[in-house]
Structures are given as structure tokens and as C-alpha cells.
C-alpha atoms as a PDB file:
ATOM      1  CA  MET A   1       2.202  14.472 -39.336  1.00  0.00           C
ATOM      2  CA  LYS A   2       4.392  14.957 -42.343  1.00  0.00           C
ATOM      3  CA  LYS A   3       6.902  12.345 -43.269  1.00  0.00           C
ATOM      4  CA  ASN A   4      10.493  13.503 -43.584  1.00  0.00           C
ATOM      5  CA  LYS A   5      11.567  11.851 -46.842  1.00  0.00           C
ATOM      6  CA  THR A   6      15.270  11.994 -45.995  1.00  0.00           C
ATOM      7  CA  ARG A   7      15.035  10.007 -42.785  1.00  0.00           C
ATOM      8  CA  GLY A   8      11.579   8.412 -42.732  1.00  0.00           C
ATOM      9  CA  VAL A   9      10.825  10.115 -39.397  1.00  0.00           C
ATOM     10  CA  LYS A  10       7.554  11.940 -38.787  1.00  0.00           C
ATOM     11  CA  ARG A  11       7.838  15.578 -37.803  1.00  0.00           C
ATOM     12  CA  PRO A  12       5.177  17.580 -35.974  1.00  0.00           C
ATOM     13  CA  ARG A  13       3.012  19.716 -38.252  1.00  0.00           C
ATOM     14  CA  LYS A  14       3.722  23.387 -37.920  1.00  0.00           C
ATOM     15  CA  THR A  15       0.227  23.852 -36.482  1.00  0.00           C
ATOM     16  CA  GLU A  16       0.836  21.226 -33.800  1.00  0.00           C
ATOM     17  CA  SER A  17       2.713  23.161 -31.110  1.00  0.00           C
ATOM     18  CA  ARG A  18       4.592  21.502 -28.297  1.00  0.00           C
ATOM     19  CA  SER A  19       2.364  23.235 -25.755  1.00  0.00           C
ATOM     20  CA  ALA A  20      -0.747  21.813 -27.459  1.00  0.00           C
ATOM     21  CA  VAL A  21       0.754  18.309 -27.360  1.00  0.00           C
ATOM     22  CA  ILE A  22       1.634  18.728 -23.684  1.00  0.00           C
ATOM     23  CA  ARG A  23      -1.953  19.813 -22.929  1.00  0.00           C
ATOM     24  CA  VAL A  24      -3.279  16.669 -24.648  1.00  0.00           C
ATOM     25  CA  VAL A  25      -0.895  14.459 -22.671  1.00  0.00           C
ATOM     26  CA  ILE A  26      -1.798  16.192 -19.393  1.00  0.00           C
ATOM     27  CA  ALA A  27      -5.479  15.440 -20.108  1.00  0.00           C
ATOM     28  CA  GLN A  28      -4.557  11.807 -20.727  1.00  0.00           C
ATOM     29  CA  GLU A  29      -2.593  11.672 -17.445  1.00  0.00           C
ATOM     30  CA  MET A  30      -5.759  12.801 -15.686  1.00  0.00           C
ATOM     31  CA  GLN A  31      -7.676  10.021 -17.507  1.00  0.00           C
ATOM     32  CA  VAL A  32      -5.171   7.472 -16.156  1.00  0.00           C
ATOM     33  CA  TRP A  33      -5.845   8.696 -12.608  1.00  0.00           C
ATOM     34  CA  LYS A  34      -9.612   8.525 -13.240  1.00  0.00           C
ATOM     35  CA  ALA A  35      -9.347   4.984 -14.640  1.00  0.00           C
ATOM     36  CA  ALA A  36      -7.313   3.925 -11.591  1.00  0.00           C
ATOM     37  CA  GLU A  37      -9.862   5.501  -9.232  1.00  0.00           C
ATOM     38  CA  GLU A  38     -12.760   3.824 -11.038  1.00  0.00           C
ATOM     39  CA  ARG A  39     -10.835   0.524 -11.349  1.00  0.00           C
ATOM     40  CA  ASN A  40     -11.507   0.658 -15.064  1.00  0.00           C
ATOM     41  CA  ALA A  41      -8.961  -1.755 -16.514  1.00  0.00           C
ATOM     42  CA  GLY A  42     -10.112  -1.174 -20.105  1.00  0.00           C
ATOM     43  CA  GLU A  43      -9.582   2.593 -20.019  1.00  0.00           C
ATOM     44  CA  PHE A  44      -6.341   2.185 -18.073  1.00  0.00           C
ATOM     45  CA  SER A  45      -5.036  -0.247 -20.703  1.00  0.00           C
ATOM     46  CA  LYS A  46      -5.799   2.171 -23.543  1.00  0.00           C
ATOM     47  CA  LEU A  47      -3.411   4.730 -22.037  1.00  0.00           C
ATOM     48  CA  VAL A  48      -0.860   2.476 -20.329  1.00  0.00           C
ATOM     49  CA  PRO A  49       0.632  -0.203 -22.635  1.00  0.00           C
ATOM     50  CA  ALA A  50       1.451  -3.759 -21.578  1.00  0.00           C
ATOM     51  CA  ASP A  51       5.190  -3.005 -21.377  1.00  0.00           C
ATOM     52  CA  ALA A  52       4.739   0.003 -19.069  1.00  0.00           C
ATOM     53  CA  VAL A  53       6.527   0.177 -15.722  1.00  0.00           C
ATOM     54  CA  MET A  54       5.326   1.936 -12.565  1.00  0.00           C
ATOM     55  CA  ILE A  55       7.775   2.594  -9.742  1.00  0.00           C
ATOM     56  CA  PHE A  56       5.870   3.024  -6.497  1.00  0.00           C
ATOM     57  CA  GLU A  57       7.131   3.422  -2.947  1.00  0.00           C
ATOM     58  CA  SER A  58       6.192  -0.243  -2.532  1.00  0.00           C
ATOM     59  CA  GLY A  59       8.245  -1.411  -5.527  1.00  0.00           C
ATOM     60  CA  ILE A  60       8.291  -1.881  -9.281  1.00  0.00           C
ATOM     61  CA  VAL A  61       5.016  -2.893 -10.903  1.00  0.00           C
ATOM     62  CA  ARG A  62       4.432  -3.696 -14.566  1.00  0.00           C
ATOM     63  CA  ARG A  63       1.047  -3.088 -16.142  1.00  0.00           C
ATOM     64  CA  PRO A  64      -0.106  -6.742 -16.170  1.00  0.00           C
ATOM     65  CA  GLU A  65       0.597  -6.978 -12.423  1.00  0.00           C
ATOM     66  CA  TYR A  66      -1.127  -3.632 -11.792  1.00  0.00           C
ATOM     67  CA  LEU A  67      -4.241  -4.785 -13.633  1.00  0.00           C
ATOM     68  CA  ALA A  68      -4.246  -8.113 -11.777  1.00  0.00           C
ATOM     69  CA  THR A  69      -4.230  -6.265  -8.444  1.00  0.00           C
ATOM     70  CA  MET A  70      -6.495  -3.373  -9.482  1.00  0.00           C
ATOM     71  CA  LYS A  71      -9.473  -4.692  -7.490  1.00  0.00           C
ATOM     72  CA  ALA A  72      -7.350  -4.781  -4.309  1.00  0.00           C
ATOM     73  CA  ARG A  73      -6.376  -1.105  -4.741  1.00  0.00           C
ATOM     74  CA  THR A  74      -8.555   1.878  -3.964  1.00  0.00           C
ATOM     75  CA  VAL A  75      -7.682   5.393  -5.048  1.00  0.00           C
ATOM     76  CA  SER A  76     -10.188   7.552  -3.225  1.00  0.00           C
ATOM     77  CA  HIS A  77      -8.578  10.932  -3.785  1.00  0.00           C
ATOM     78  CA  SER A  78      -5.544  12.356  -5.480  1.00  0.00           C
ATOM     79  CA  GLU A  79      -4.666  16.002  -5.258  1.00  0.00           C
ATOM     80  CA  ILE A  80      -2.499  16.931  -8.230  1.00  0.00           C
ATOM     81  CA  LEU A  81      -0.425  20.094  -7.968  1.00  0.00           C
ATOM     82  CA  LYS A  82       2.025  22.029 -10.150  1.00  0.00           C
ATOM     83  CA  MET A  83       1.788  19.754 -13.195  1.00  0.00           C
ATOM     84  CA  GLN A  84       4.203  20.707 -15.922  1.00  0.00           C
ATOM     85  CA  GLY A  85       5.493  18.997 -19.015  1.00  0.00           C
ATOM     86  CA  PHE A  86       8.328  19.181 -21.471  1.00  0.00           C
ATOM     87  CA  MET A  87       9.211  17.505 -24.729  1.00  0.00           C
ATOM     88  CA  PRO A  88      12.836  16.403 -25.142  1.00  0.00           C
ATOM     89  CA  ASN A  89      11.868  15.318 -28.679  1.00  0.00           C
ATOM     90  CA  ALA A  90       8.777  15.142 -30.896  1.00  0.00           C
ATOM     91  CA  ARG A  91       7.835  11.629 -29.687  1.00  0.00           C
ATOM     92  CA  THR A  92       8.328  12.068 -25.919  1.00  0.00           C
ATOM     93  CA  VAL A  93       6.521  14.097 -23.248  1.00  0.00           C
ATOM     94  CA  ILE A  94       7.654  14.022 -19.627  1.00  0.00           C
ATOM     95  CA  LEU A  95       5.187  15.221 -16.989  1.00  0.00           C
ATOM     96  CA  ILE A  96       6.240  16.188 -13.483  1.00  0.00           C
ATOM     97  CA  TYR A  97       3.885  17.078 -10.651  1.00  0.00           C
ATOM     98  CA  GLU A  98       3.192  16.711  -6.950  1.00  0.00           C
ATOM     99  CA  THR A  99       0.390  14.635  -5.569  1.00  0.00           C
ATOM    100  CA  VAL A 100      -1.069  13.523  -2.290  1.00  0.00           C
ATOM    101  CA  ARG A 101      -2.737  10.162  -2.753  1.00  0.00           C
ATOM    102  CA  ARG A 102      -5.495   8.781  -0.634  1.00  0.00           C
ATOM    103  CA  GLY A 103      -6.383   5.148  -0.855  1.00  0.00           C
ATOM    104  CA  SER A 104      -5.238   1.685   0.054  1.00  0.00           C
ATOM    105  CA  TYR A 105      -3.831  -1.537  -1.270  1.00  0.00           C
ATOM    106  CA  GLU A 106      -4.995  -4.821   0.204  1.00  0.00           C
ATOM    107  CA  GLY A 107      -6.512  -2.899   3.086  1.00  0.00           C
ATOM    108  CA  LYS A 108      -3.325  -0.984   3.974  1.00  0.00           C
ATOM    109  CA  LYS A 109      -3.517   2.772   3.539  1.00  0.00           C
ATOM    110  CA  PHE A 110      -1.088   4.458   1.183  1.00  0.00           C
ATOM    111  CA  PRO A 111       1.655   6.436   2.938  1.00  0.00           C
ATOM    112  CA  SER A 112       0.326   9.921   3.665  1.00  0.00           C
ATOM    113  CA  THR A 113       3.488  11.670   2.479  1.00  0.00           C
ATOM    114  CA  PRO A 114       3.206  13.793  -0.648  1.00  0.00           C
ATOM    115  CA  VAL A 115       5.168  12.553  -3.664  1.00  0.00           C
ATOM    116  CA  ILE A 116       6.674  13.925  -6.822  1.00  0.00           C
ATOM    117  CA  GLU A 117       5.289  12.017  -9.800  1.00  0.00           C
ATOM    118  CA  SER A 118       6.993  11.736 -13.144  1.00  0.00           C
ATOM    119  CA  THR A 119       5.339  10.091 -16.132  1.00  0.00           C
ATOM    120  CA  THR A 120       7.045   9.552 -19.456  1.00  0.00           C
ATOM    121  CA  TRP A 121       4.680   9.415 -22.430  1.00  0.00           C
ATOM    122  CA  ILE A 122       5.776   8.293 -25.879  1.00  0.00           C
ATOM    123  CA  LYS A 123       4.046   8.462 -29.232  1.00  0.00           C
ATOM    124  CA  ARG A 124       3.575   4.915 -30.470  1.00  0.00           C
ATOM    125  CA  SER A 125       1.569   3.993 -33.571  1.00  0.00           C
ATOM    126  CA  GLY A 126       0.116   7.516 -33.675  1.00  0.00           C
ATOM    127  CA  ARG A 127      -1.063   7.473 -30.027  1.00  0.00           C
ATOM    128  CA  TRP A 128       0.393   8.842 -26.805  1.00  0.00           C
ATOM    129  CA  VAL A 129       0.920   6.147 -24.159  1.00  0.00           C
ATOM    130  CA  ALA A 130       2.352   6.289 -20.628  1.00  0.00           C
ATOM    131  CA  ILE A 131       5.387   4.020 -20.618  1.00  0.00           C
ATOM    132  CA  LEU A 132       6.994   4.902 -17.262  1.00  0.00           C
ATOM    133  CA  ASN A 133       5.658   6.388 -14.037  1.00  0.00           C
ATOM    134  CA  GLN A 134       7.700   6.985 -10.921  1.00  0.00           C
ATOM    135  CA  GLU A 135       6.829   8.444  -7.550  1.00  0.00           C
ATOM    136  CA  THR A 136       9.363   9.862  -5.124  1.00  0.00           C
ATOM    137  CA  PRO A 137       8.380  10.835  -1.566  1.00  0.00           C
ATOM    138  CA  ILE A 138       8.874  14.487  -0.649  1.00  0.00           C
ATOM    139  CA  VAL A 139      10.983  14.486   2.506  1.00  0.00           C
ATOM    140  CA  GLY A 140      11.260  17.412   4.883  1.00  0.00           C
END
């Protein structure tokens, strides 16, 4: 990244296209799903910072709470469809996709309805991190 001397803000290098950044972030989103499935708190924490918020059908969960309940949650299968991303600015990527989750929390199966997922990634200290995730059931 080059530093813009007039404002002190980093700009993307000309060789770093938005589509390349979106591809990197999509790969990281898939790593978050893998870490959740494997109950790998260390890998999950590398991609999801402590101040992250997840909005599930069951309520709002912050990362510390998610990690504390990770062992009670199983993610046995997630079908991810139609993932797309866009960058409203050079430090933000928003991913949107559909998924059908299979798994349970404290022995209760996840609702079987497909959901639209949205994850907001921000560039913080030179790394992309998932700061907000929200799922919305697809009705009808």
C-alpha cells in the first residue's frame, strides 16, 4: 500500500484490484466456516476479532461468547451459494451469499430454513477481519 501524503490514508496499489481483494476475503470467509466446523478457536480468532458481532436467528452473539460456546455447537455441513462481494471503500468488503446450515447448538438442531448471510470485513492493521455477520431467513 502506498501512503497518501496529503491525508495519511493508505490507497490500494494499482496492481491490487478490487476483484483480487474480494477473492482473498471470500477465501477467508470460507476459512471462518472451516474453523467453526472444526471448532478451532485459534483459527476463528485470527479472522474474527474480539469486537466482532454475529447476528443469528437465535440472537446477537459477540466473539467472546461464541468462543465460549463453540464446544456446544456443531456445524456439520454448510452449503454456500451465490457468494458475491463488493467494496464500498478500500478498507471494507461486504460479502453476501445464501447458505443452508446443518448442525446444532446445545443438542438442538439449527432451523432448516436457508438464510442469506452478510459478512462485513474491514482492513485493520494490514489484515482483513470479519467484524459483522448477519443471517436472515429466506421466507417463501
